[in-house]
């Protein structure tokens, strides 16, 4: 990706996956995810609708991972600096 369009989610320094967002768009995605989690806990109360709440949480989490995959650095194992 060129410098005019930075990654929203940088790769973690250690391990697999992405770190915290580096641009506002990434933070907006995290905020939307948080709001959707709150809405899900109201619409599907975990103590009363546990299977639906788990399904809902899995679905929006899969979308979050998809956005991280599409807008983040390529995932892979990282072992810190190679220095």
PDB file of N, CA and C in Angstrom:
ATOM      1  N   UNK A   1       0.855  -1.173   0.000  1.00  0.00           N
ATOM      2  CA  UNK A   1       0.000   0.000   0.000  1.00  0.00           C
ATOM      3  C   UNK A   1       0.894   1.227   0.000  1.00  0.00           C
ATOM      4  N   UNK A   2       0.540   2.261  -0.760  1.00  0.00           N
ATOM      5  CA  UNK A   2       1.392   3.437  -0.811  1.00  0.00           C
ATOM      6  C   UNK A   2       1.186   4.331   0.409  1.00  0.00           C
ATOM      7  N   UNK A   3       2.081   5.318   0.562  1.00  0.00           N
ATOM      8  CA  UNK A   3       2.065   6.152   1.764  1.00  0.00           C
ATOM      9  C   UNK A   3       0.864   7.085   1.838  1.00  0.00           C
ATOM     10  N   UNK A   4       0.236   7.398   0.706  1.00  0.00           N
ATOM     11  CA  UNK A   4      -0.932   8.273   0.745  1.00  0.00           C
ATOM     12  C   UNK A   4      -2.163   7.544   1.305  1.00  0.00           C
ATOM     13  N   UNK A   5      -2.092   6.239   1.356  1.00  0.00           N
ATOM     14  CA  UNK A   5      -3.187   5.436   1.918  1.00  0.00           C
ATOM     15  C   UNK A   5      -2.604   4.466   2.941  1.00  0.00           C
ATOM     16  N   UNK A   6      -2.374   4.941   4.171  1.00  0.00           N
ATOM     17  CA  UNK A   6      -1.732   4.069   5.166  1.00  0.00           C
ATOM     18  C   UNK A   6      -2.665   2.945   5.627  1.00  0.00           C
ATOM     19  N   UNK A   7      -2.038   1.930   6.205  1.00  0.00           N
ATOM     20  CA  UNK A   7      -2.830   0.856   6.806  1.00  0.00           C
ATOM     21  C   UNK A   7      -3.612   1.417   7.981  1.00  0.00           C
ATOM     22  N   UNK A   8      -4.831   0.956   8.144  1.00  0.00           N
ATOM     23  CA  UNK A   8      -5.625   1.368   9.294  1.00  0.00           C
ATOM     24  C   UNK A   8      -5.163   0.638  10.547  1.00  0.00           C
ATOM     25  N   UNK A   9      -4.718  -0.604  10.372  1.00  0.00           N
ATOM     26  CA  UNK A   9      -4.322  -1.444  11.492  1.00  0.00           C
ATOM     27  C   UNK A   9      -2.930  -2.007  11.224  1.00  0.00           C
ATOM     28  N   UNK A  10      -1.912  -1.575  11.958  1.00  0.00           N
ATOM     29  CA  UNK A  10      -0.570  -2.120  11.742  1.00  0.00           C
ATOM     30  C   UNK A  10      -0.471  -3.530  12.324  1.00  0.00           C
ATOM     31  N   UNK A  11       0.483  -4.296  11.821  1.00  0.00           N
ATOM     32  CA  UNK A  11       0.716  -5.635  12.364  1.00  0.00           C
ATOM     33  C   UNK A  11       1.279  -5.518  13.769  1.00  0.00           C
ATOM     34  N   UNK A  12       0.956  -6.482  14.606  1.00  0.00           N
ATOM     35  CA  UNK A  12       1.521  -6.508  15.954  1.00  0.00           C
ATOM     36  C   UNK A  12       3.025  -6.751  15.877  1.00  0.00           C
ATOM     37  N   UNK A  13       3.755  -6.218  16.835  1.00  0.00           N
ATOM     38  CA  UNK A  13       5.202  -6.413  16.858  1.00  0.00           C
ATOM     39  C   UNK A  13       5.558  -7.854  17.212  1.00  0.00           C
ATOM     40  N   UNK A  14       4.797  -8.446  18.111  1.00  0.00           N
ATOM     41  CA  UNK A  14       5.010  -9.837  18.527  1.00  0.00           C
ATOM     42  C   UNK A  14       3.713 -10.615  18.342  1.00  0.00           C
ATOM     43  N   UNK A  15       3.801 -11.785  17.746  1.00  0.00           N
ATOM     44  CA  UNK A  15       2.630 -12.631  17.577  1.00  0.00           C
ATOM     45  C   UNK A  15       1.945 -12.413  16.246  1.00  0.00           C
ATOM     46  N   UNK A  16       0.681 -12.858  16.157  1.00  0.00           N
ATOM     47  CA  UNK A  16      -0.085 -12.781  14.918  1.00  0.00           C
ATOM     48  C   UNK A  16      -1.241 -11.819  15.119  1.00  0.00           C
ATOM     49  N   UNK A  17      -1.520 -11.026  14.122  1.00  0.00           N
ATOM     50  CA  UNK A  17      -2.688 -10.153  14.194  1.00  0.00           C
ATOM     51  C   UNK A  17      -2.333  -8.691  14.040  1.00  0.00           C
ATOM     52  N   UNK A  18      -3.253  -7.845  14.472  1.00  0.00           N
ATOM     53  CA  UNK A  18      -3.124  -6.411  14.288  1.00  0.00           C
ATOM     54  C   UNK A  18      -3.122  -5.704  15.625  1.00  0.00           C
ATOM     55  N   UNK A  19      -2.459  -4.554  15.622  1.00  0.00           N
ATOM     56  CA  UNK A  19      -2.429  -3.715  16.810  1.00  0.00           C
ATOM     57  C   UNK A  19      -3.542  -2.682  16.766  1.00  0.00           C
ATOM     58  N   UNK A  20      -3.408  -1.674  17.620  1.00  0.00           N
ATOM     59  CA  UNK A  20      -4.400  -0.603  17.664  1.00  0.00           C
ATOM     60  C   UNK A  20      -4.340   0.213  16.380  1.00  0.00           C
ATOM     61  N   UNK A  21      -5.454   0.806  16.006  1.00  0.00           N
ATOM     62  CA  UNK A  21      -5.494   1.593  14.772  1.00  0.00           C
ATOM     63  C   UNK A  21      -4.518   2.770  14.802  1.00  0.00           C
ATOM     64  N   UNK A  22      -4.082   3.189  13.608  1.00  0.00           N
ATOM     65  CA  UNK A  22      -3.180   4.332  13.503  1.00  0.00           C
ATOM     66  C   UNK A  22      -3.833   5.518  12.803  1.00  0.00           C
ATOM     67  N   UNK A  23      -5.033   5.352  12.292  1.00  0.00           N
ATOM     68  CA  UNK A  23      -5.759   6.432  11.633  1.00  0.00           C
ATOM     69  C   UNK A  23      -7.185   6.488  12.178  1.00  0.00           C
ATOM     70  N   UNK A  24      -7.850   7.610  11.925  1.00  0.00           N
ATOM     71  CA  UNK A  24      -9.186   7.797  12.499  1.00  0.00           C
ATOM     72  C   UNK A  24     -10.187   6.770  11.986  1.00  0.00           C
ATOM     73  N   UNK A  25     -10.011   6.312  10.751  1.00  0.00           N
ATOM     74  CA  UNK A  25     -10.956   5.336  10.202  1.00  0.00           C
ATOM     75  C   UNK A  25     -10.937   4.035  11.011  1.00  0.00           C
ATOM     76  N   UNK A  26      -9.758   3.621  11.436  1.00  0.00           N
ATOM     77  CA  UNK A  26      -9.654   2.425  12.265  1.00  0.00           C
ATOM     78  C   UNK A  26     -10.323   2.609  13.615  1.00  0.00           C
ATOM     79  N   UNK A  27     -10.127   3.792  14.201  1.00  0.00           N
ATOM     80  CA  UNK A  27     -10.782   4.072  15.480  1.00  0.00           C
ATOM     81  C   UNK A  27     -12.300   4.125  15.314  1.00  0.00           C
ATOM     82  N   UNK A  28     -12.758   4.639  14.172  1.00  0.00           N
ATOM     83  CA  UNK A  28     -14.200   4.657  13.907  1.00  0.00           C
ATOM     84  C   UNK A  28     -14.750   3.233  13.830  1.00  0.00           C
ATOM     85  N   UNK A  29     -14.002   2.329  13.188  1.00  0.00           N
ATOM     86  CA  UNK A  29     -14.425   0.923  13.106  1.00  0.00           C
ATOM     87  C   UNK A  29     -14.529   0.333  14.510  1.00  0.00           C
ATOM     88  N   UNK A  30     -13.536   0.595  15.367  1.00  0.00           N
ATOM     89  CA  UNK A  30     -13.585   0.104  16.747  1.00  0.00           C
ATOM     90  C   UNK A  30     -14.782   0.688  17.492  1.00  0.00           C
ATOM     91  N   UNK A  31     -15.049   1.981  17.283  1.00  0.00           N
ATOM     92  CA  UNK A  31     -16.188   2.613  17.948  1.00  0.00           C
ATOM     93  C   UNK A  31     -17.509   2.018  17.522  1.00  0.00           C
ATOM     94  N   UNK A  32     -17.657   1.792  16.227  1.00  0.00           N
ATOM     95  CA  UNK A  32     -18.887   1.181  15.709  1.00  0.00           C
ATOM     96  C   UNK A  32     -19.057  -0.224  16.273  1.00  0.00           C
ATOM     97  N   UNK A  33     -17.952  -0.965  16.342  1.00  0.00           N
ATOM     98  CA  UNK A  33     -18.005  -2.314  16.916  1.00  0.00           C
ATOM     99  C   UNK A  33     -18.484  -2.242  18.377  1.00  0.00           C
ATOM    100  N   UNK A  34     -17.946  -1.309  19.130  1.00  0.00           N
ATOM    101  CA  UNK A  34     -18.354  -1.154  20.532  1.00  0.00           C
ATOM    102  C   UNK A  34     -19.824  -0.808  20.668  1.00  0.00           C
ATOM    103  N   UNK A  35     -20.292   0.116  19.837  1.00  0.00           N
ATOM    104  CA  UNK A  35     -21.707   0.496  19.868  1.00  0.00           C
ATOM    105  C   UNK A  35     -22.582  -0.699  19.500  1.00  0.00           C
ATOM    106  N   UNK A  36     -22.179  -1.459  18.478  1.00  0.00           N
ATOM    107  CA  UNK A  36     -22.956  -2.647  18.097  1.00  0.00           C
ATOM    108  C   UNK A  36     -22.974  -3.696  19.210  1.00  0.00           C
ATOM    109  N   UNK A  37     -21.882  -3.802  19.958  1.00  0.00           N
ATOM    110  CA  UNK A  37     -21.876  -4.748  21.089  1.00  0.00           C
ATOM    111  C   UNK A  37     -22.867  -4.307  22.164  1.00  0.00           C
ATOM    112  N   UNK A  38     -22.910  -3.013  22.454  1.00  0.00           N
ATOM    113  CA  UNK A  38     -23.868  -2.511  23.447  1.00  0.00           C
ATOM    114  C   UNK A  38     -25.297  -2.746  22.966  1.00  0.00           C
ATOM    115  N   UNK A  39     -25.558  -2.421  21.704  1.00  0.00           N
ATOM    116  CA  UNK A  39     -26.901  -2.644  21.151  1.00  0.00           C
ATOM    117  C   UNK A  39     -27.264  -4.132  21.210  1.00  0.00           C
ATOM    118  N   UNK A  40     -26.312  -4.993  20.871  1.00  0.00           N
ATOM    119  CA  UNK A  40     -26.568  -6.436  20.927  1.00  0.00           C
ATOM    120  C   UNK A  40     -26.893  -6.925  22.322  1.00  0.00           C
ATOM    121  N   UNK A  41     -26.222  -6.342  23.330  1.00  0.00           N
ATOM    122  CA  UNK A  41     -26.506  -6.772  24.707  1.00  0.00           C
ATOM    123  C   UNK A  41     -27.873  -6.288  25.185  1.00  0.00           C
ATOM    124  N   UNK A  42     -28.398  -5.251  24.540  1.00  0.00           N
ATOM    125  CA  UNK A  42     -29.738  -4.772  24.878  1.00  0.00           C
ATOM    126  C   UNK A  42     -30.796  -5.590  24.131  1.00  0.00           C
ATOM    127  N   UNK A  43     -30.570  -5.803  22.846  1.00  0.00           N
ATOM    128  CA  UNK A  43     -31.542  -6.532  22.023  1.00  0.00           C
ATOM    129  C   UNK A  43     -31.573  -8.017  22.380  1.00  0.00           C
ATOM    130  N   UNK A  44     -30.389  -8.590  22.623  1.00  0.00           N
ATOM    131  CA  UNK A  44     -30.273 -10.008  22.993  1.00  0.00           C
ATOM    132  C   UNK A  44     -29.601 -10.106  24.361  1.00  0.00           C
ATOM    133  N   UNK A  45     -30.332  -9.873  25.446  1.00  0.00           N
ATOM    134  CA  UNK A  45     -29.705  -9.922  26.772  1.00  0.00           C
ATOM    135  C   UNK A  45     -29.007 -11.270  26.984  1.00  0.00           C
ATOM    136  N   UNK A  46     -27.709 -11.232  27.298  1.00  0.00           N
ATOM    137  CA  UNK A  46     -26.957 -12.496  27.426  1.00  0.00           C
ATOM    138  C   UNK A  46     -27.533 -13.466  28.460  1.00  0.00           C
ATOM    139  N   UNK A  47     -28.183 -12.958  29.477  1.00  0.00           N
ATOM    140  CA  UNK A  47     -28.741 -13.858  30.497  1.00  0.00           C
ATOM    141  C   UNK A  47     -30.045 -14.507  30.046  1.00  0.00           C
ATOM    142  N   UNK A  48     -30.714 -13.914  29.029  1.00  0.00           N
ATOM    143  CA  UNK A  48     -31.991 -14.452  28.571  1.00  0.00           C
ATOM    144  C   UNK A  48     -31.917 -15.047  27.166  1.00  0.00           C
ATOM    145  N   UNK A  49     -31.080 -14.494  26.328  1.00  0.00           N
ATOM    146  CA  UNK A  49     -30.977 -14.915  24.922  1.00  0.00           C
ATOM    147  C   UNK A  49     -29.539 -15.292  24.576  1.00  0.00           C
ATOM    148  N   UNK A  50     -28.943 -16.140  25.405  1.00  0.00           N
ATOM    149  CA  UNK A  50     -27.521 -16.438  25.248  1.00  0.00           C
ATOM    150  C   UNK A  50     -27.138 -16.967  23.866  1.00  0.00           C
ATOM    151  N   UNK A  51     -27.847 -17.935  23.289  1.00  0.00           N
ATOM    152  CA  UNK A  51     -27.445 -18.421  21.955  1.00  0.00           C
ATOM    153  C   UNK A  51     -27.483 -17.319  20.887  1.00  0.00           C
ATOM    154  N   UNK A  52     -28.520 -16.481  20.912  1.00  0.00           N
ATOM    155  CA  UNK A  52     -28.608 -15.392  19.938  1.00  0.00           C
ATOM    156  C   UNK A  52     -27.516 -14.351  20.168  1.00  0.00           C
ATOM    157  N   UNK A  53     -27.233 -14.064  21.430  1.00  0.00           N
ATOM    158  CA  UNK A  53     -26.179 -13.097  21.734  1.00  0.00           C
ATOM    159  C   UNK A  53     -24.818 -13.613  21.247  1.00  0.00           C
ATOM    160  N   UNK A  54     -24.551 -14.888  21.450  1.00  0.00           N
ATOM    161  CA  UNK A  54     -23.280 -15.475  20.985  1.00  0.00           C
ATOM    162  C   UNK A  54     -23.207 -15.429  19.464  1.00  0.00           C
ATOM    163  N   UNK A  55     -24.281 -15.760  18.797  1.00  0.00           N
ATOM    164  CA  UNK A  55     -24.316 -15.708  17.333  1.00  0.00           C
ATOM    165  C   UNK A  55     -24.113 -14.281  16.833  1.00  0.00           C
ATOM    166  N   UNK A  56     -24.787 -13.336  17.440  1.00  0.00           N
ATOM    167  CA  UNK A  56     -24.655 -11.924  17.073  1.00  0.00           C
ATOM    168  C   UNK A  56     -23.216 -11.447  17.285  1.00  0.00           C
ATOM    169  N   UNK A  57     -22.641 -11.772  18.431  1.00  0.00           N
ATOM    170  CA  UNK A  57     -21.263 -11.369  18.736  1.00  0.00           C
ATOM    171  C   UNK A  57     -20.280 -11.991  17.750  1.00  0.00           C
ATOM    172  N   UNK A  58     -20.474 -13.255  17.429  1.00  0.00           N
ATOM    173  CA  UNK A  58     -19.596 -13.913  16.452  1.00  0.00           C
ATOM    174  C   UNK A  58     -19.705 -13.252  15.090  1.00  0.00           C
ATOM    175  N   UNK A  59     -20.916 -12.877  14.690  1.00  0.00           N
ATOM    176  CA  UNK A  59     -21.121 -12.273  13.375  1.00  0.00           C
ATOM    177  C   UNK A  59     -20.445 -10.906  13.277  1.00  0.00           C
ATOM    178  N   UNK A  60     -20.652 -10.040  14.259  1.00  0.00           N
ATOM    179  CA  UNK A  60     -20.032  -8.711  14.153  1.00  0.00           C
ATOM    180  C   UNK A  60     -18.523  -8.797  14.384  1.00  0.00           C
ATOM    181  N   UNK A  61     -18.073  -9.774  15.151  1.00  0.00           N
ATOM    182  CA  UNK A  61     -16.627  -9.967  15.319  1.00  0.00           C
ATOM    183  C   UNK A  61     -15.983 -10.442  14.023  1.00  0.00           C
ATOM    184  N   UNK A  62     -16.685 -11.291  13.287  1.00  0.00           N
ATOM    185  CA  UNK A  62     -16.176 -11.743  11.986  1.00  0.00           C
ATOM    186  C   UNK A  62     -16.068 -10.567  11.018  1.00  0.00           C
ATOM    187  N   UNK A  63     -17.030  -9.660  11.069  1.00  0.00           N
ATOM    188  CA  UNK A  63     -16.964  -8.468  10.220  1.00  0.00           C
ATOM    189  C   UNK A  63     -15.776  -7.605  10.630  1.00  0.00           C
ATOM    190  N   UNK A  64     -15.532  -7.457  11.938  1.00  0.00           N
ATOM    191  CA  UNK A  64     -14.387  -6.683  12.420  1.00  0.00           C
ATOM    192  C   UNK A  64     -13.078  -7.291  11.924  1.00  0.00           C
ATOM    193  N   UNK A  65     -12.940  -8.596  12.020  1.00  0.00           N
ATOM    194  CA  UNK A  65     -11.723  -9.261  11.541  1.00  0.00           C
ATOM    195  C   UNK A  65     -11.584  -9.076  10.030  1.00  0.00           C
ATOM    196  N   UNK A  66     -12.686  -9.126   9.304  1.00  0.00           N
ATOM    197  CA  UNK A  66     -12.652  -8.905   7.865  1.00  0.00           C
ATOM    198  C   UNK A  66     -12.166  -7.506   7.509  1.00  0.00           C
ATOM    199  N   UNK A  67     -12.627  -6.504   8.240  1.00  0.00           N
ATOM    200  CA  UNK A  67     -12.171  -5.134   8.002  1.00  0.00           C
ATOM    201  C   UNK A  67     -10.688  -5.017   8.333  1.00  0.00           C
ATOM    202  N   UNK A  68     -10.264  -5.611   9.446  1.00  0.00           N
ATOM    203  CA  UNK A  68      -8.843  -5.587   9.805  1.00  0.00           C
ATOM    204  C   UNK A  68      -8.003  -6.270   8.727  1.00  0.00           C
ATOM    205  N   UNK A  69      -8.488  -7.352   8.203  1.00  0.00           N
ATOM    206  CA  UNK A  69      -7.760  -8.075   7.149  1.00  0.00           C
ATOM    207  C   UNK A  69      -7.667  -7.236   5.878  1.00  0.00           C
ATOM    208  N   UNK A  70      -8.768  -6.570   5.522  1.00  0.00           N
ATOM    209  CA  UNK A  70      -8.808  -5.781   4.294  1.00  0.00           C
ATOM    210  C   UNK A  70      -8.025  -4.479   4.405  1.00  0.00           C
ATOM    211  N   UNK A  71      -8.034  -3.858   5.573  1.00  0.00           N
ATOM    212  CA  UNK A  71      -7.440  -2.528   5.726  1.00  0.00           C
ATOM    213  C   UNK A  71      -6.167  -2.521   6.566  1.00  0.00           C
ATOM    214  N   UNK A  72      -5.738  -3.692   7.025  1.00  0.00           N
ATOM    215  CA  UNK A  72      -4.536  -3.762   7.850  1.00  0.00           C
ATOM    216  C   UNK A  72      -3.356  -4.327   7.097  1.00  0.00           C
ATOM    217  N   UNK A  73      -2.202  -4.287   7.760  1.00  0.00           N
ATOM    218  CA  UNK A  73      -1.014  -4.914   7.176  1.00  0.00           C
ATOM    219  C   UNK A  73      -1.270  -6.411   7.026  1.00  0.00           C
ATOM    220  N   UNK A  74      -0.604  -7.046   6.076  1.00  0.00           N
ATOM    221  CA  UNK A  74      -0.810  -8.493   5.920  1.00  0.00           C
ATOM    222  C   UNK A  74      -0.498  -9.229   7.229  1.00  0.00           C
ATOM    223  N   UNK A  75      -1.389 -10.133   7.644  1.00  0.00           N
ATOM    224  CA  UNK A  75      -1.151 -10.840   8.897  1.00  0.00           C
ATOM    225  C   UNK A  75      -0.035 -11.864   8.760  1.00  0.00           C
ATOM    226  N   UNK A  76       0.561 -12.188   9.859  1.00  0.00           N
ATOM    227  CA  UNK A  76       1.620 -13.186   9.899  1.00  0.00           C
ATOM    228  C   UNK A  76       2.298 -13.128  11.256  1.00  0.00           C
ATOM    229  N   UNK A  77       3.105 -14.120  11.559  1.00  0.00           N
ATOM    230  CA  UNK A  77       3.809 -14.146  12.829  1.00  0.00           C
ATOM    231  C   UNK A  77       4.953 -13.153  12.812  1.00  0.00           C
ATOM    232  N   UNK A  78       5.060 -12.384  13.868  1.00  0.00           N
ATOM    233  CA  UNK A  78       6.128 -11.400  14.018  1.00  0.00           C
ATOM    234  C   UNK A  78       6.838 -11.664  15.337  1.00  0.00           C
ATOM    235  N   UNK A  79       8.152 -11.549  15.320  1.00  0.00           N
ATOM    236  CA  UNK A  79       8.958 -11.830  16.492  1.00  0.00           C
ATOM    237  C   UNK A  79       9.750 -10.609  16.941  1.00  0.00           C
ATOM    238  N   UNK A  80       9.207  -9.420  16.732  1.00  0.00           N
ATOM    239  CA  UNK A  80       9.879  -8.193  17.132  1.00  0.00           C
ATOM    240  C   UNK A  80      10.851  -7.740  16.059  1.00  0.00           C
ATOM    241  N   UNK A  81      11.760  -6.847  16.454  1.00  0.00           N
ATOM    242  CA  UNK A  81      12.759  -6.343  15.518  1.00  0.00           C
ATOM    243  C   UNK A  81      13.778  -7.428  15.187  1.00  0.00           C
ATOM    244  N   UNK A  82      14.263  -7.408  13.972  1.00  0.00           N
ATOM    245  CA  UNK A  82      15.238  -8.408  13.561  1.00  0.00           C
ATOM    246  C   UNK A  82      16.650  -7.935  13.851  1.00  0.00           C
ATOM    247  N   UNK A  83      16.799  -6.830  14.578  1.00  0.00           N
ATOM    248  CA  UNK A  83      18.142  -6.294  14.891  1.00  0.00           C
ATOM    249  C   UNK A  83      18.836  -7.117  15.954  1.00  0.00           C
TER     250      UNK A  83
END
